[in-house]
Amino acid sequence: MREESRARQLTLQALYQRDLVANRDFEELREFCRQEGDEESAEMAIGLLEGCIEKLERLDRRIRRTAENWELERMATSDRNILRIGVYELLFRPETPPKVAINEAIELAKRYSTADSPVFVNGVLDRIYNLVRVPDIPSDPEARVDLHVHSTASDGSVPPEQLAAMAAAKGLAAIALTDHDSVDGVSAAKMAGQEANILVVSGVELTAYEKDSEEGYIEMHIAGLFVDCENPVLLDRLERFRAVRLQRVHEIVGKLREIGVDIESDNVLEHSRGGAVGRAHVAKELVRLGHCADGPEAFERYLAVGCAAYVPKERMTPAEAVELVHCAGGCAALCHPAHIEDLPARLERLVESGLDAIEVHYPTHSAQDERRLLDLARQHDLVPTGGSDFHGEIKPQIQIGQETVSFVELHQLQQRARMGH
């Protein structure tokens, strides 16, 4: 038997003992490995054991999210610990080839668990591997990346399949498609990105609300980057959000009609072209009808917070938004934070919820804002991100690639997504 395989068996046996005797002393487990294995296999087993115990909460969260219809605590003890070893190697031991980690876990299941266990272990680990297998990003300090772009899949005016060519024309190397409450455009954008040699990061932008007073709420936007666009939990929630968006548009149109603005819901929906409908589409119809000169005026007069036709969205908390991003295998970034009241205190709470990044570079952030946000990023160990928030016609003053970061930040975000939460 190879030393590596023997080491994994020792690790499994030690973890099994730890589960049977809660919080068993690590020194006892270390000594068990040394007694049962030779010097090389014992040292490797001790390293695996130490890593699994240190990362136990992260490993268990990832297993819970991936093993659908299975509660971690009700799994067979052997299966639970085989998965912990396999996930640890997939996420935290880059020197182990992923296929080796999966195959070794299957062999442990064959030897130490039930007849059904190898298929179960293989299914869970294979799904986790596919989630963390994001594209390798080349190291190029000169390459620029726009991590905040919208398409017609939500409230942008440019189809997702056209964004890559626009990004290439601006000299970008990558973009993140972060449509509001939708990942419908990601597949088309990625295919076009391959042709244009542009990396397209799968993303989504979620709206969250934190209570500010007895009746008031502060709106915050959380972008998920490197999300799994086929994650069933994410897709279920987004479908719910889209239904709420539709109802919201009907309510906005009703309020506009009450104040004498003649507008029809059906015409608003035509602007969304079947994508996630929102206030931007109402603004577009107001401009078409001649009630406003452009989109910004429509928001200022009717659609922004505090205006006569404003209707809040369904209230998901910032912590819930971060958790949803993590559930989909992504990393969570706070968007345009300079405009959030009492940011330091709110950021503290978001960091406690697992926030990964903060948008430092944004078109309406001043140089002073960026310095302050960079300080906050360093203070809380957050990745500094940036992007244009490109929407096309609704924000004609904003161009794709107007604000960017480098591949250094993209690498850091990629690692956060790979490590799990």
Protein backbone atom coordinates (compact mmCIF):
# COMPACT_ATOMS: atom_id res chain seq x y z
CA MET A 1 0.00 0.00 0.00
CA ARG A 2 1.29 3.46 -0.91
CA GLU A 3 2.29 5.69 2.00
CA GLU A 4 -0.27 8.34 0.96
CA SER A 5 -3.13 5.83 1.01
CA ARG A 6 -2.04 4.49 4.37
CA ALA A 7 -1.89 8.06 5.71
CA ARG A 8 -5.48 8.70 4.63
CA GLN A 9 -6.61 5.51 6.36
CA LEU A 10 -4.90 6.61 9.58
CA THR A 11 -6.52 10.05 9.29
CA LEU A 12 -9.96 8.48 8.84
CA GLN A 13 -9.44 6.21 11.87
CA ALA A 14 -8.30 9.16 13.98
CA LEU A 15 -11.26 11.34 12.92
CA TYR A 16 -13.59 8.43 13.63
CA GLN A 17 -12.20 8.21 17.17
CA ARG A 18 -12.61 11.97 17.59
CA ASP A 19 -16.28 11.72 16.59
CA LEU A 20 -16.91 8.87 19.03
CA VAL A 21 -15.22 10.70 21.91
CA ALA A 22 -16.15 14.37 21.54
CA ASN A 23 -13.18 16.74 21.50
CA ARG A 24 -10.69 13.98 22.07
CA ASP A 25 -7.25 15.40 22.81
CA PHE A 26 -5.26 15.96 19.63
CA GLU A 27 -2.07 14.62 21.20
CA GLU A 28 -3.77 11.25 21.70
CA LEU A 29 -4.76 11.17 18.04
CA ARG A 30 -1.26 12.18 16.99
CA GLU A 31 0.18 9.36 19.08
CA PHE A 32 -2.29 6.90 17.53
CA CYS A 33 -1.03 7.79 14.05
CA ARG A 34 2.59 7.28 15.10
CA GLN A 35 1.86 3.92 16.69
CA GLU A 36 -0.17 2.57 13.76
CA GLY A 37 1.88 3.90 10.86
CA ASP A 38 5.49 4.15 9.81
CA GLU A 39 7.30 7.47 10.07
CA GLU A 40 6.32 8.80 6.63
CA SER A 41 2.66 7.78 6.63
CA ALA A 42 2.23 8.90 10.24
CA GLU A 43 3.58 12.39 9.56
CA MET A 44 1.36 12.80 6.52
CA ALA A 45 -1.64 11.55 8.50
CA ILE A 46 -0.91 14.02 11.30
CA GLY A 47 -0.78 16.85 8.76
CA LEU A 48 -4.10 15.81 7.22
CA LEU A 49 -5.67 15.36 10.64
CA GLU A 50 -4.51 18.76 11.84
CA GLY A 51 -5.79 20.43 8.67
CA CYS A 52 -9.19 18.72 8.85
CA ILE A 53 -9.67 19.74 12.47
CA GLU A 54 -8.50 23.31 11.88
CA LYS A 55 -10.85 23.76 8.87
CA LEU A 56 -13.66 21.60 10.29
CA GLU A 57 -16.36 24.31 10.26
CA ARG A 58 -15.64 25.23 6.64
CA LEU A 59 -15.51 21.60 5.56
CA ASP A 60 -18.81 20.81 7.25
CA ARG A 61 -20.54 23.89 5.78
CA ARG A 62 -19.45 22.91 2.28
CA ILE A 63 -20.60 19.30 2.78
CA ARG A 64 -23.99 20.41 4.17
CA ARG A 65 -24.60 22.67 1.17
CA THR A 66 -23.58 20.03 -1.36
CA ALA A 67 -25.03 16.81 0.07
CA GLU A 68 -28.65 17.65 -0.73
CA ASN A 69 -31.28 15.85 1.36
CA TRP A 70 -28.61 14.60 3.77
CA GLU A 71 -28.05 16.03 7.24
CA LEU A 72 -24.37 15.92 8.19
CA GLU A 73 -25.10 14.68 11.70
CA ARG A 74 -27.19 11.77 10.36
CA MET A 75 -24.57 10.52 7.90
CA ALA A 76 -22.66 7.39 8.76
CA THR A 77 -19.62 8.38 10.82
CA SER A 78 -17.26 6.85 8.25
CA ASP A 79 -18.91 8.67 5.34
CA ARG A 80 -18.86 12.00 7.16
CA ASN A 81 -15.15 11.75 7.88
CA ILE A 82 -14.22 10.40 4.45
CA LEU A 83 -15.94 13.47 2.97
CA ARG A 84 -14.08 15.76 5.37
CA ILE A 85 -10.74 14.35 4.22
CA GLY A 86 -11.71 14.55 0.55
CA VAL A 87 -13.04 18.12 0.78
CA TYR A 88 -9.98 19.22 2.73
CA GLU A 89 -7.70 17.89 0.01
CA LEU A 90 -9.80 19.47 -2.76
CA LEU A 91 -9.89 22.90 -1.13
CA PHE A 92 -6.69 23.21 0.87
CA ARG A 93 -4.06 20.80 -0.51
CA PRO A 94 -3.19 21.99 -4.04
CA GLU A 95 -0.35 19.46 -4.16
CA THR A 96 -2.94 16.66 -4.32
CA PRO A 97 -4.48 16.32 -7.81
CA PRO A 98 -8.28 16.59 -7.47
CA LYS A 99 -8.93 13.25 -9.16
CA VAL A 100 -6.51 11.56 -6.75
CA ALA A 101 -8.32 13.10 -3.77
CA ILE A 102 -11.69 11.87 -5.07
CA ASN A 103 -10.47 8.38 -6.02
CA GLU A 104 -8.73 7.91 -2.68
CA ALA A 105 -11.92 8.90 -0.85
CA ILE A 106 -13.89 6.37 -2.91
CA GLU A 107 -11.39 3.65 -1.98
CA LEU A 108 -11.78 4.55 1.71
CA ALA A 109 -15.56 4.28 1.33
CA LYS A 110 -15.23 0.84 -0.28
CA ARG A 111 -13.03 -0.41 2.55
CA TYR A 112 -14.59 1.23 5.60
CA SER A 113 -18.26 1.93 4.84
CA THR A 114 -21.38 0.46 3.24
CA ALA A 115 -21.99 -0.77 -0.31
CA ASP A 116 -23.79 2.48 -1.20
CA SER A 117 -21.10 4.74 0.23
CA PRO A 118 -18.66 4.88 -2.75
CA VAL A 119 -21.38 6.26 -5.05
CA PHE A 120 -22.53 8.74 -2.40
CA VAL A 121 -18.99 9.97 -1.64
CA ASN A 122 -18.15 10.22 -5.33
CA GLY A 123 -21.29 12.28 -6.03
CA VAL A 124 -20.66 14.79 -3.26
CA LEU A 125 -16.94 15.25 -3.97
CA ASP A 126 -17.43 15.45 -7.73
CA ARG A 127 -19.98 18.24 -7.30
CA ILE A 128 -17.68 20.15 -4.96
CA TYR A 129 -14.80 19.72 -7.40
CA ASN A 130 -16.91 21.12 -10.24
CA LEU A 131 -17.87 24.10 -8.06
CA VAL A 132 -14.28 25.03 -7.21
CA ARG A 133 -12.88 24.30 -10.67
CA VAL A 134 -13.00 27.93 -11.79
CA PRO A 135 -10.84 28.84 -14.80
CA ASP A 136 -7.17 29.40 -14.18
CA ILE A 137 -6.46 33.12 -14.41
CA PRO A 138 -3.20 34.08 -16.11
CA SER A 139 -0.85 36.35 -14.21
CA ASP A 140 -0.66 39.65 -16.04
CA PRO A 141 -0.26 42.77 -13.88
CA GLU A 142 -1.17 44.99 -16.83
CA ALA A 143 -4.49 43.28 -17.56
CA ARG A 144 -7.59 45.13 -16.39
CA VAL A 145 -10.84 43.67 -15.12
CA ASP A 146 -14.35 45.19 -14.79
CA LEU A 147 -16.17 43.27 -12.05
CA HIS A 148 -19.56 45.01 -12.26
CA VAL A 149 -21.40 44.75 -15.60
CA HIS A 150 -25.10 44.36 -16.48
CA SER A 151 -26.92 43.06 -19.55
CA THR A 152 -30.43 42.71 -20.91
CA ALA A 153 -30.83 39.69 -18.63
CA SER A 154 -31.70 42.32 -16.00
CA ASP A 155 -31.84 46.08 -16.57
CA GLY A 156 -28.97 46.67 -18.99
CA SER A 157 -29.48 47.56 -22.64
CA VAL A 158 -26.71 45.38 -24.16
CA PRO A 159 -27.32 41.65 -24.76
CA PRO A 160 -24.92 39.42 -22.79
CA GLU A 161 -23.40 37.94 -25.98
CA GLN A 162 -22.24 41.43 -27.05
CA LEU A 163 -20.44 42.39 -23.85
CA ALA A 164 -17.23 40.46 -24.51
CA ALA A 165 -16.57 42.25 -27.80
CA MET A 166 -17.21 45.61 -26.11
CA ALA A 167 -14.81 44.67 -23.32
CA ALA A 168 -12.13 43.62 -25.81
CA ALA A 169 -12.51 46.92 -27.66
CA LYS A 170 -11.82 48.73 -24.38
CA GLY A 171 -8.67 46.67 -23.77
CA LEU A 172 -10.10 44.63 -20.91
CA ALA A 173 -9.03 41.07 -20.19
CA ALA A 174 -12.04 40.05 -18.11
CA ILE A 175 -15.48 41.12 -16.94
CA ALA A 176 -17.94 39.88 -14.33
CA LEU A 177 -21.57 39.72 -15.43
CA THR A 178 -23.52 40.73 -12.32
CA ASP A 179 -27.12 41.12 -13.43
CA HIS A 180 -29.74 41.95 -10.82
CA ASP A 181 -31.37 38.78 -9.48
CA SER A 182 -30.43 36.83 -12.61
CA VAL A 183 -27.72 34.53 -13.96
CA ASP A 184 -29.59 33.92 -17.21
CA GLY A 185 -27.06 35.83 -19.31
CA VAL A 186 -23.90 34.19 -17.99
CA SER A 187 -23.80 31.22 -20.35
CA ALA A 188 -24.14 33.37 -23.50
CA ALA A 189 -21.60 35.86 -22.17
CA LYS A 190 -19.09 33.09 -21.45
CA MET A 191 -19.44 31.61 -24.93
CA ALA A 192 -18.88 35.02 -26.50
CA GLY A 193 -15.96 35.57 -24.14
CA GLN A 194 -14.22 32.45 -25.44
CA GLU A 195 -14.42 33.80 -28.99
CA ALA A 196 -13.19 37.25 -27.97
CA ASN A 197 -10.50 35.89 -25.60
CA ILE A 198 -12.20 37.62 -22.67
CA LEU A 199 -12.63 35.84 -19.34
CA VAL A 200 -16.25 36.15 -18.13
CA VAL A 201 -16.76 35.65 -14.40
CA SER A 202 -20.19 34.35 -13.41
CA GLY A 203 -21.89 36.77 -11.06
CA VAL A 204 -25.15 38.15 -9.70
CA GLU A 205 -26.16 41.32 -7.85
CA LEU A 206 -28.56 41.02 -4.91
CA THR A 207 -30.42 43.79 -3.09
CA ALA A 208 -30.52 43.67 0.70
CA TYR A 209 -32.01 45.88 3.39
CA GLU A 210 -30.78 46.58 6.91
CA LYS A 211 -33.17 48.12 9.42
CA ASP A 212 -32.19 51.71 10.18
CA SER A 213 -35.04 52.94 12.38
CA GLU A 214 -38.56 52.00 13.44
CA GLU A 215 -39.84 52.25 9.88
CA GLY A 216 -36.77 52.89 7.74
CA TYR A 217 -34.27 50.61 5.98
CA ILE A 218 -30.86 51.12 4.40
CA GLU A 219 -30.51 49.50 0.97
CA MET A 220 -27.30 47.62 0.23
CA HIS A 221 -26.24 45.66 -2.84
CA ILE A 222 -24.20 42.47 -2.59
CA ALA A 223 -22.48 41.07 -5.68
CA GLY A 224 -21.74 37.36 -5.86
CA LEU A 225 -18.67 36.51 -7.94
CA PHE A 226 -17.66 33.04 -9.20
CA VAL A 227 -21.11 31.71 -8.30
CA ASP A 228 -22.37 28.35 -9.54
CA CYS A 229 -25.13 29.32 -11.98
CA GLU A 230 -26.76 25.90 -11.62
CA ASN A 231 -26.97 25.92 -7.83
CA PRO A 232 -30.59 24.94 -7.05
CA VAL A 233 -30.86 27.10 -3.92
CA LEU A 234 -29.65 30.18 -5.80
CA LEU A 235 -31.94 29.51 -8.76
CA ASP A 236 -34.98 29.02 -6.52
CA ARG A 237 -34.34 32.31 -4.72
CA LEU A 238 -33.74 34.20 -7.97
CA GLU A 239 -36.98 32.88 -9.41
CA ARG A 240 -38.77 34.19 -6.32
CA PHE A 241 -37.04 37.57 -6.66
CA ARG A 242 -38.08 37.84 -10.32
CA ALA A 243 -41.72 37.29 -9.37
CA VAL A 244 -41.42 39.98 -6.71
CA ARG A 245 -39.81 42.32 -9.26
CA LEU A 246 -42.79 41.88 -11.57
CA GLN A 247 -45.24 42.68 -8.78
CA ARG A 248 -43.13 45.69 -7.84
CA VAL A 249 -43.32 47.10 -11.37
CA HIS A 250 -47.12 46.82 -11.32
CA GLU A 251 -47.16 48.72 -8.01
CA ILE A 252 -44.83 51.43 -9.36
CA VAL A 253 -47.01 51.87 -12.45
CA GLY A 254 -50.05 52.14 -10.18
CA LYS A 255 -48.41 54.89 -8.15
CA LEU A 256 -47.41 56.77 -11.30
CA ARG A 257 -50.96 56.63 -12.63
CA GLU A 258 -52.27 57.93 -9.29
CA ILE A 259 -50.17 61.09 -9.71
CA GLY A 260 -51.28 61.59 -13.29
CA VAL A 261 -48.48 59.89 -15.25
CA ASP A 262 -50.08 57.87 -18.04
CA ILE A 263 -48.10 54.62 -18.32
CA GLU A 264 -48.92 50.93 -18.95
CA SER A 265 -47.29 47.89 -17.30
CA ASP A 266 -47.28 45.89 -20.54
CA ASN A 267 -45.17 48.53 -22.27
CA VAL A 268 -42.70 48.50 -19.37
CA LEU A 269 -42.38 44.73 -19.57
CA GLU A 270 -41.55 44.92 -23.28
CA HIS A 271 -38.38 46.84 -22.41
CA SER A 272 -37.16 43.94 -20.25
CA ARG A 273 -37.19 41.55 -23.25
CA GLY A 274 -38.06 38.66 -20.97
CA GLY A 275 -35.26 39.40 -18.48
CA ALA A 276 -35.54 40.47 -14.86
CA VAL A 277 -37.70 43.60 -14.91
CA GLY A 278 -36.92 46.60 -12.73
CA ARG A 279 -37.09 50.35 -12.24
CA ALA A 280 -34.72 50.93 -15.16
CA HIS A 281 -37.38 49.61 -17.51
CA VAL A 282 -39.98 51.92 -16.00
CA ALA A 283 -37.53 54.78 -16.52
CA LYS A 284 -37.07 53.78 -20.15
CA GLU A 285 -40.83 53.89 -20.74
CA LEU A 286 -41.09 57.28 -19.02
CA VAL A 287 -38.45 58.60 -21.41
CA ARG A 288 -40.19 57.06 -24.43
CA LEU A 289 -43.46 58.71 -23.45
CA GLY A 290 -41.75 62.07 -23.03
CA HIS A 291 -42.38 62.38 -19.29
CA CYS A 292 -38.60 62.58 -18.65
CA ALA A 293 -35.60 63.58 -20.73
CA ASP A 294 -33.48 60.61 -19.70
CA GLY A 295 -33.12 57.74 -17.21
CA PRO A 296 -31.42 59.73 -14.43
CA GLU A 297 -34.24 62.30 -14.48
CA ALA A 298 -36.82 59.51 -14.23
CA PHE A 299 -35.15 58.22 -11.09
CA GLU A 300 -34.71 61.68 -9.57
CA ARG A 301 -38.35 62.66 -10.17
CA TYR A 302 -40.24 59.43 -9.62
CA LEU A 303 -38.33 56.21 -8.89
CA ALA A 304 -35.59 56.82 -6.31
CA VAL A 305 -36.03 56.25 -2.58
CA GLY A 306 -38.39 58.88 -1.18
CA CYS A 307 -39.99 59.71 -4.52
CA ALA A 308 -43.72 59.45 -5.22
CA ALA A 309 -43.53 56.19 -7.19
CA TYR A 310 -40.84 54.42 -5.17
CA VAL A 311 -41.70 50.88 -4.03
CA PRO A 312 -39.17 48.90 -1.97
CA LYS A 313 -38.14 45.40 -2.98
CA GLU A 314 -38.67 42.28 -0.87
CA ARG A 315 -36.44 42.72 2.14
CA MET A 316 -33.60 40.22 2.26
CA THR A 317 -31.04 41.08 4.94
CA PRO A 318 -27.39 41.68 4.01
CA ALA A 319 -26.40 38.58 6.00
CA GLU A 320 -28.91 36.50 4.03
CA ALA A 321 -27.52 37.86 0.75
CA VAL A 322 -23.97 36.92 1.76
CA GLU A 323 -25.11 33.46 2.80
CA LEU A 324 -26.92 32.94 -0.52
CA VAL A 325 -23.75 33.85 -2.44
CA HIS A 326 -21.72 31.46 -0.31
CA CYS A 327 -24.33 28.74 -0.78
CA ALA A 328 -23.76 29.08 -4.53
CA GLY A 329 -20.00 28.64 -4.10
CA GLY A 330 -19.16 32.32 -4.70
CA CYS A 331 -17.56 35.16 -2.81
CA ALA A 332 -19.58 38.18 -1.68
CA ALA A 333 -18.66 41.81 -2.40
CA LEU A 334 -20.35 44.96 -1.07
CA CYS A 335 -21.21 47.25 -3.99
CA HIS A 336 -20.74 51.07 -4.14
CA PRO A 337 -20.23 51.30 -0.36
CA ALA A 338 -19.21 54.96 -0.22
CA HIS A 339 -22.89 55.87 -0.50
CA ILE A 340 -23.96 53.79 2.52
CA GLU A 341 -24.72 55.71 5.70
CA ASP A 342 -22.81 54.71 8.84
CA LEU A 343 -20.64 52.38 6.75
CA PRO A 344 -18.04 51.32 9.39
CA ALA A 345 -20.66 49.88 11.75
CA ARG A 346 -22.61 48.21 8.96
CA LEU A 347 -19.42 46.80 7.49
CA GLU A 348 -18.50 45.27 10.86
CA ARG A 349 -21.75 43.32 10.81
CA LEU A 350 -21.25 42.25 7.20
CA VAL A 351 -17.74 41.00 7.94
CA GLU A 352 -19.14 38.94 10.81
CA SER A 353 -21.57 37.45 8.26
CA GLY A 354 -18.67 36.40 6.02
CA LEU A 355 -18.29 39.29 3.54
CA ASP A 356 -15.27 38.66 1.26
CA ALA A 357 -14.75 41.89 -0.66
CA ILE A 358 -15.63 45.57 -0.94
CA GLU A 359 -16.02 47.65 -4.10
CA VAL A 360 -13.40 50.37 -3.81
CA HIS A 361 -13.23 51.57 -7.42
CA TYR A 362 -16.58 52.84 -8.67
CA PRO A 363 -17.53 55.73 -11.01
CA THR A 364 -19.07 57.94 -8.32
CA HIS A 365 -16.43 57.27 -5.64
CA SER A 366 -14.06 60.18 -5.06
CA ALA A 367 -10.33 59.76 -4.51
CA GLN A 368 -10.99 60.38 -0.83
CA ASP A 369 -13.68 57.68 -0.83
CA GLU A 370 -11.28 55.19 -2.38
CA ARG A 371 -8.57 55.88 0.22
CA ARG A 372 -11.08 55.41 3.03
CA LEU A 373 -12.44 52.21 1.51
CA LEU A 374 -8.95 50.79 0.95
CA ASP A 375 -8.22 51.38 4.64
CA LEU A 376 -11.41 49.54 5.57
CA ALA A 377 -10.52 46.69 3.22
CA ARG A 378 -7.12 46.26 4.87
CA GLN A 379 -8.62 46.55 8.35
CA HIS A 380 -11.13 43.75 7.71
CA ASP A 381 -9.05 41.57 5.34
CA LEU A 382 -11.41 42.21 2.44
CA VAL A 383 -10.45 41.99 -1.24
CA PRO A 384 -10.71 45.45 -2.87
CA THR A 385 -12.80 45.14 -6.03
CA GLY A 386 -13.96 47.59 -8.67
CA GLY A 387 -16.18 47.96 -11.67
CA SER A 388 -18.13 50.32 -13.86
CA ASP A 389 -21.70 49.24 -13.03
CA PHE A 390 -22.22 49.42 -16.79
CA HIS A 391 -25.89 49.34 -17.85
CA GLY A 392 -25.78 50.90 -21.31
CA GLU A 393 -28.55 53.33 -22.24
CA ILE A 394 -29.94 53.76 -18.71
CA LYS A 395 -26.55 55.12 -17.57
CA PRO A 396 -25.18 56.65 -20.78
CA GLN A 397 -22.40 58.44 -18.92
CA ILE A 398 -20.93 55.10 -17.75
CA GLN A 399 -18.73 53.09 -20.13
CA ILE A 400 -17.70 49.47 -19.74
CA GLY A 401 -14.20 49.37 -18.26
CA GLN A 402 -14.53 52.86 -16.78
CA GLU A 403 -13.45 51.48 -13.38
CA THR A 404 -11.32 48.36 -13.08
CA VAL A 405 -9.02 46.30 -10.91
CA SER A 406 -6.14 44.01 -11.86
CA PHE A 407 -5.77 40.25 -12.09
CA VAL A 408 -4.18 40.37 -8.64
CA GLU A 409 -7.57 41.13 -7.11
CA LEU A 410 -9.24 38.62 -9.41
CA HIS A 411 -6.84 35.92 -8.20
CA GLN A 412 -7.71 36.78 -4.60
CA LEU A 413 -11.44 36.56 -5.30
CA GLN A 414 -10.92 33.26 -7.09
CA GLN A 415 -9.09 31.85 -4.07
CA ARG A 416 -11.88 32.97 -1.73
CA ALA A 417 -14.38 31.14 -3.92
CA ARG A 418 -12.19 28.02 -4.06
CA MET A 419 -11.63 27.92 -0.31
CA GLY A 420 -15.32 27.93 0.51
CA HIS A 421 -16.92 29.43 3.59
